[in-house]
Amino acid sequence: MTTAKKERGRWKKGKSGNPRGRTPGTGKVARLRENITQHLPEIIEQLVIKAKEGDSQATRLLLERVIPPVKSMEQSVKISFPVDADISTQGQSIIQAVANGTLAPSQGSSLLTSLGTLARIKEMDELEKRLTALEQANESKK
């Protein structure tokens, strides 16, 4: 006597039993948010009271939510390079400015990175010009 094997699961493979998904706002998190929203004024009032009493965690929570964090800003600085200075001379000038305290180390690092990118761009331009000249010379020989 053989018994037919029952199919596993109720849904066909790759087919959802609920193609539209759960209705938004019906989950546990949505209910929790709704409950908190109803009591929000009292919660904030209690936090303010605790903060005034010296509770540093309540103070921190209030301040983090109300006042955005202060971001550091760097002053712009003018650097003058010799008119026809090559890239290595410009790099040395940047390093010297950092060493003298004229430039912040982070600014110097950014400028050196930019200078490196500029050097690669100039290198590619030079290679393109050389290749074009070689192709023209090769064409004229034919």
C-alpha atoms as a PDB file:
ATOM      1  CA  MET A   1       0.000   0.000   0.000  1.00  0.00           C
ATOM      2  CA  THR A   2       1.522   3.344  -1.062  1.00  0.00           C
ATOM      3  CA  THR A   3       0.421   6.659   0.213  1.00  0.00           C
ATOM      4  CA  ALA A   4       0.765   9.808  -1.804  1.00  0.00           C
ATOM      5  CA  LYS A   5       3.094  12.368  -0.292  1.00  0.00           C
ATOM      6  CA  LYS A   6       1.342  15.558   0.774  1.00  0.00           C
ATOM      7  CA  GLU A   7       2.591  18.778  -0.743  1.00  0.00           C
ATOM      8  CA  ARG A   8       4.545  20.979   1.642  1.00  0.00           C
ATOM      9  CA  GLY A   9       3.070  24.362   2.447  1.00  0.00           C
ATOM     10  CA  ARG A  10      -0.138  25.875   1.287  1.00  0.00           C
ATOM     11  CA  TRP A  11       1.140  28.224  -1.397  1.00  0.00           C
ATOM     12  CA  LYS A  12       2.784  27.523  -4.691  1.00  0.00           C
ATOM     13  CA  LYS A  13       6.492  28.258  -4.859  1.00  0.00           C
ATOM     14  CA  GLY A  14       7.105  31.897  -5.760  1.00  0.00           C
ATOM     15  CA  LYS A  15       3.489  32.890  -5.093  1.00  0.00           C
ATOM     16  CA  SER A  16       2.552  34.886  -2.010  1.00  0.00           C
ATOM     17  CA  GLY A  17      -0.598  34.123  -0.078  1.00  0.00           C
ATOM     18  CA  ASN A  18      -0.989  37.871   0.393  1.00  0.00           C
ATOM     19  CA  PRO A  19       0.320  39.653  -2.725  1.00  0.00           C
ATOM     20  CA  ARG A  20      -0.644  43.128  -1.472  1.00  0.00           C
ATOM     21  CA  GLY A  21       1.200  42.639   1.814  1.00  0.00           C
ATOM     22  CA  ARG A  22       0.153  43.754   5.248  1.00  0.00           C
ATOM     23  CA  THR A  23      -1.946  46.881   5.433  1.00  0.00           C
ATOM     24  CA  PRO A  24       0.226  49.790   6.566  1.00  0.00           C
ATOM     25  CA  GLY A  25      -0.309  50.830  10.162  1.00  0.00           C
ATOM     26  CA  THR A  26      -1.512  47.462  11.456  1.00  0.00           C
ATOM     27  CA  GLY A  27       1.750  46.143  12.921  1.00  0.00           C
ATOM     28  CA  LYS A  28       3.083  46.251  16.486  1.00  0.00           C
ATOM     29  CA  VAL A  29       5.405  49.169  15.768  1.00  0.00           C
ATOM     30  CA  ALA A  30       2.571  51.279  14.348  1.00  0.00           C
ATOM     31  CA  ARG A  31       0.447  50.601  17.439  1.00  0.00           C
ATOM     32  CA  LEU A  32       3.376  51.512  19.699  1.00  0.00           C
ATOM     33  CA  ARG A  33       3.969  54.761  17.809  1.00  0.00           C
ATOM     34  CA  GLU A  34       0.283  55.626  18.024  1.00  0.00           C
ATOM     35  CA  ASN A  35       0.311  55.017  21.789  1.00  0.00           C
ATOM     36  CA  ILE A  36       3.430  57.166  22.243  1.00  0.00           C
ATOM     37  CA  THR A  37       1.926  59.918  20.069  1.00  0.00           C
ATOM     38  CA  GLN A  38      -1.158  60.060  22.282  1.00  0.00           C
ATOM     39  CA  HIS A  39       1.008  60.568  25.376  1.00  0.00           C
ATOM     40  CA  LEU A  40       3.711  62.720  23.772  1.00  0.00           C
ATOM     41  CA  PRO A  41       2.923  65.995  25.562  1.00  0.00           C
ATOM     42  CA  GLU A  42       3.108  64.300  28.976  1.00  0.00           C
ATOM     43  CA  ILE A  43       6.314  62.467  28.025  1.00  0.00           C
ATOM     44  CA  ILE A  44       8.014  65.694  26.933  1.00  0.00           C
ATOM     45  CA  GLU A  45       6.797  67.482  30.056  1.00  0.00           C
ATOM     46  CA  GLN A  46       8.324  64.748  32.250  1.00  0.00           C
ATOM     47  CA  LEU A  47      11.601  64.931  30.323  1.00  0.00           C
ATOM     48  CA  VAL A  48      11.756  68.691  30.842  1.00  0.00           C
ATOM     49  CA  ILE A  49      11.075  68.281  34.566  1.00  0.00           C
ATOM     50  CA  LYS A  50      13.796  65.624  34.861  1.00  0.00           C
ATOM     51  CA  ALA A  51      16.242  67.781  32.906  1.00  0.00           C
ATOM     52  CA  LYS A  52      15.548  70.764  35.176  1.00  0.00           C
ATOM     53  CA  GLU A  53      16.174  68.529  38.194  1.00  0.00           C
ATOM     54  CA  GLY A  54      19.620  67.712  36.828  1.00  0.00           C
ATOM     55  CA  ASP A  55      19.035  64.409  35.027  1.00  0.00           C
ATOM     56  CA  SER A  56      21.802  64.505  32.426  1.00  0.00           C
ATOM     57  CA  GLN A  57      20.272  61.761  30.276  1.00  0.00           C
ATOM     58  CA  ALA A  58      16.975  63.648  29.992  1.00  0.00           C
ATOM     59  CA  THR A  59      18.877  66.837  29.198  1.00  0.00           C
ATOM     60  CA  ARG A  60      20.957  65.077  26.568  1.00  0.00           C
ATOM     61  CA  LEU A  61      17.885  63.491  24.959  1.00  0.00           C
ATOM     62  CA  LEU A  62      16.073  66.821  24.763  1.00  0.00           C
ATOM     63  CA  LEU A  63      19.078  68.701  23.408  1.00  0.00           C
ATOM     64  CA  GLU A  64      19.921  66.031  20.822  1.00  0.00           C
ATOM     65  CA  ARG A  65      16.380  66.176  19.450  1.00  0.00           C
ATOM     66  CA  VAL A  66      15.945  69.934  19.514  1.00  0.00           C
ATOM     67  CA  ILE A  67      19.354  71.431  18.704  1.00  0.00           C
ATOM     68  CA  PRO A  68      21.286  70.027  15.715  1.00  0.00           C
ATOM     69  CA  PRO A  69      24.893  69.039  16.399  1.00  0.00           C
ATOM     70  CA  VAL A  70      27.550  71.646  15.721  1.00  0.00           C
ATOM     71  CA  LYS A  71      29.603  70.871  12.647  1.00  0.00           C
ATOM     72  CA  SER A  72      33.184  71.968  12.402  1.00  0.00           C
ATOM     73  CA  MET A  73      33.991  74.454   9.682  1.00  0.00           C
ATOM     74  CA  GLU A  74      37.383  75.351   8.319  1.00  0.00           C
ATOM     75  CA  GLN A  75      38.383  78.847   7.324  1.00  0.00           C
ATOM     76  CA  SER A  76      39.301  79.313   3.700  1.00  0.00           C
ATOM     77  CA  VAL A  77      42.933  80.229   3.142  1.00  0.00           C
ATOM     78  CA  LYS A  78      44.588  81.769   0.095  1.00  0.00           C
ATOM     79  CA  ILE A  79      47.748  80.090  -1.111  1.00  0.00           C
ATOM     80  CA  SER A  80      49.744  81.600  -3.915  1.00  0.00           C
ATOM     81  CA  PHE A  81      51.995  79.432  -6.039  1.00  0.00           C
ATOM     82  CA  PRO A  82      54.660  80.644  -8.441  1.00  0.00           C
ATOM     83  CA  VAL A  83      53.044  81.266 -11.827  1.00  0.00           C
ATOM     84  CA  ASP A  84      54.829  78.498 -13.736  1.00  0.00           C
ATOM     85  CA  ALA A  85      55.373  76.121 -10.805  1.00  0.00           C
ATOM     86  CA  ASP A  86      55.319  72.417 -11.571  1.00  0.00           C
ATOM     87  CA  ILE A  87      53.141  70.040  -9.582  1.00  0.00           C
ATOM     88  CA  SER A  88      55.918  68.892  -7.238  1.00  0.00           C
ATOM     89  CA  THR A  89      56.731  72.524  -6.356  1.00  0.00           C
ATOM     90  CA  GLN A  90      53.066  73.169  -5.658  1.00  0.00           C
ATOM     91  CA  GLY A  91      52.963  70.071  -3.446  1.00  0.00           C
ATOM     92  CA  GLN A  92      56.010  71.273  -1.522  1.00  0.00           C
ATOM     93  CA  SER A  93      54.340  74.672  -1.056  1.00  0.00           C
ATOM     94  CA  ILE A  94      51.263  72.981   0.410  1.00  0.00           C
ATOM     95  CA  ILE A  95      53.362  70.879   2.783  1.00  0.00           C
ATOM     96  CA  GLN A  96      55.304  73.969   3.846  1.00  0.00           C
ATOM     97  CA  ALA A  97      52.038  75.855   4.489  1.00  0.00           C
ATOM     98  CA  VAL A  98      50.866  73.003   6.741  1.00  0.00           C
ATOM     99  CA  ALA A  99      54.225  72.976   8.532  1.00  0.00           C
ATOM    100  CA  ASN A 100      54.046  76.757   9.076  1.00  0.00           C
ATOM    101  CA  GLY A 101      50.514  76.526  10.432  1.00  0.00           C
ATOM    102  CA  THR A 102      49.029  78.545   7.580  1.00  0.00           C
ATOM    103  CA  LEU A 103      46.945  75.528   6.509  1.00  0.00           C
ATOM    104  CA  ALA A 104      45.186  72.969   8.670  1.00  0.00           C
ATOM    105  CA  PRO A 105      46.468  69.411   8.110  1.00  0.00           C
ATOM    106  CA  SER A 106      43.071  68.309   6.766  1.00  0.00           C
ATOM    107  CA  GLN A 107      43.102  71.170   4.254  1.00  0.00           C
ATOM    108  CA  GLY A 108      46.635  70.286   3.215  1.00  0.00           C
ATOM    109  CA  SER A 109      45.652  66.661   2.767  1.00  0.00           C
ATOM    110  CA  SER A 110      42.669  67.620   0.614  1.00  0.00           C
ATOM    111  CA  LEU A 111      44.797  69.928  -1.503  1.00  0.00           C
ATOM    112  CA  LEU A 112      47.471  67.275  -2.002  1.00  0.00           C
ATOM    113  CA  THR A 113      44.808  64.762  -3.042  1.00  0.00           C
ATOM    114  CA  SER A 114      43.432  67.286  -5.518  1.00  0.00           C
ATOM    115  CA  LEU A 115      46.927  67.958  -6.796  1.00  0.00           C
ATOM    116  CA  GLY A 116      47.446  64.213  -7.334  1.00  0.00           C
ATOM    117  CA  THR A 117      44.211  64.037  -9.309  1.00  0.00           C
ATOM    118  CA  LEU A 118      45.322  67.022 -11.391  1.00  0.00           C
ATOM    119  CA  ALA A 119      48.662  65.298 -12.069  1.00  0.00           C
ATOM    120  CA  ARG A 120      46.835  62.205 -13.398  1.00  0.00           C
ATOM    121  CA  ILE A 121      44.635  64.387 -15.601  1.00  0.00           C
ATOM    122  CA  LYS A 122      47.688  66.192 -17.014  1.00  0.00           C
ATOM    123  CA  GLU A 123      49.376  62.828 -17.593  1.00  0.00           C
ATOM    124  CA  MET A 124      46.366  61.566 -19.541  1.00  0.00           C
ATOM    125  CA  ASP A 125      46.295  64.779 -21.630  1.00  0.00           C
ATOM    126  CA  GLU A 126      49.991  64.387 -22.425  1.00  0.00           C
ATOM    127  CA  LEU A 127      49.540  60.722 -23.390  1.00  0.00           C
ATOM    128  CA  GLU A 128      46.631  61.642 -25.649  1.00  0.00           C
ATOM    129  CA  LYS A 129      48.712  64.331 -27.393  1.00  0.00           C
ATOM    130  CA  ARG A 130      51.605  61.898 -27.875  1.00  0.00           C
ATOM    131  CA  LEU A 131      49.303  59.224 -29.259  1.00  0.00           C
ATOM    132  CA  THR A 132      47.721  61.694 -31.672  1.00  0.00           C
ATOM    133  CA  ALA A 133      51.182  62.814 -32.845  1.00  0.00           C
ATOM    134  CA  LEU A 134      52.284  59.189 -33.355  1.00  0.00           C
ATOM    135  CA  GLU A 135      49.133  58.378 -35.317  1.00  0.00           C
ATOM    136  CA  GLN A 136      49.638  61.435 -37.538  1.00  0.00           C
ATOM    137  CA  ALA A 137      53.289  60.526 -38.109  1.00  0.00           C
ATOM    138  CA  ASN A 138      52.271  56.947 -38.950  1.00  0.00           C
ATOM    139  CA  GLU A 139      49.618  58.182 -41.401  1.00  0.00           C
ATOM    140  CA  SER A 140      52.067  60.486 -43.175  1.00  0.00           C
ATOM    141  CA  LYS A 141      54.483  57.567 -43.754  1.00  0.00           C
ATOM    142  CA  LYS A 142      51.865  55.609 -45.676  1.00  0.00           C
END
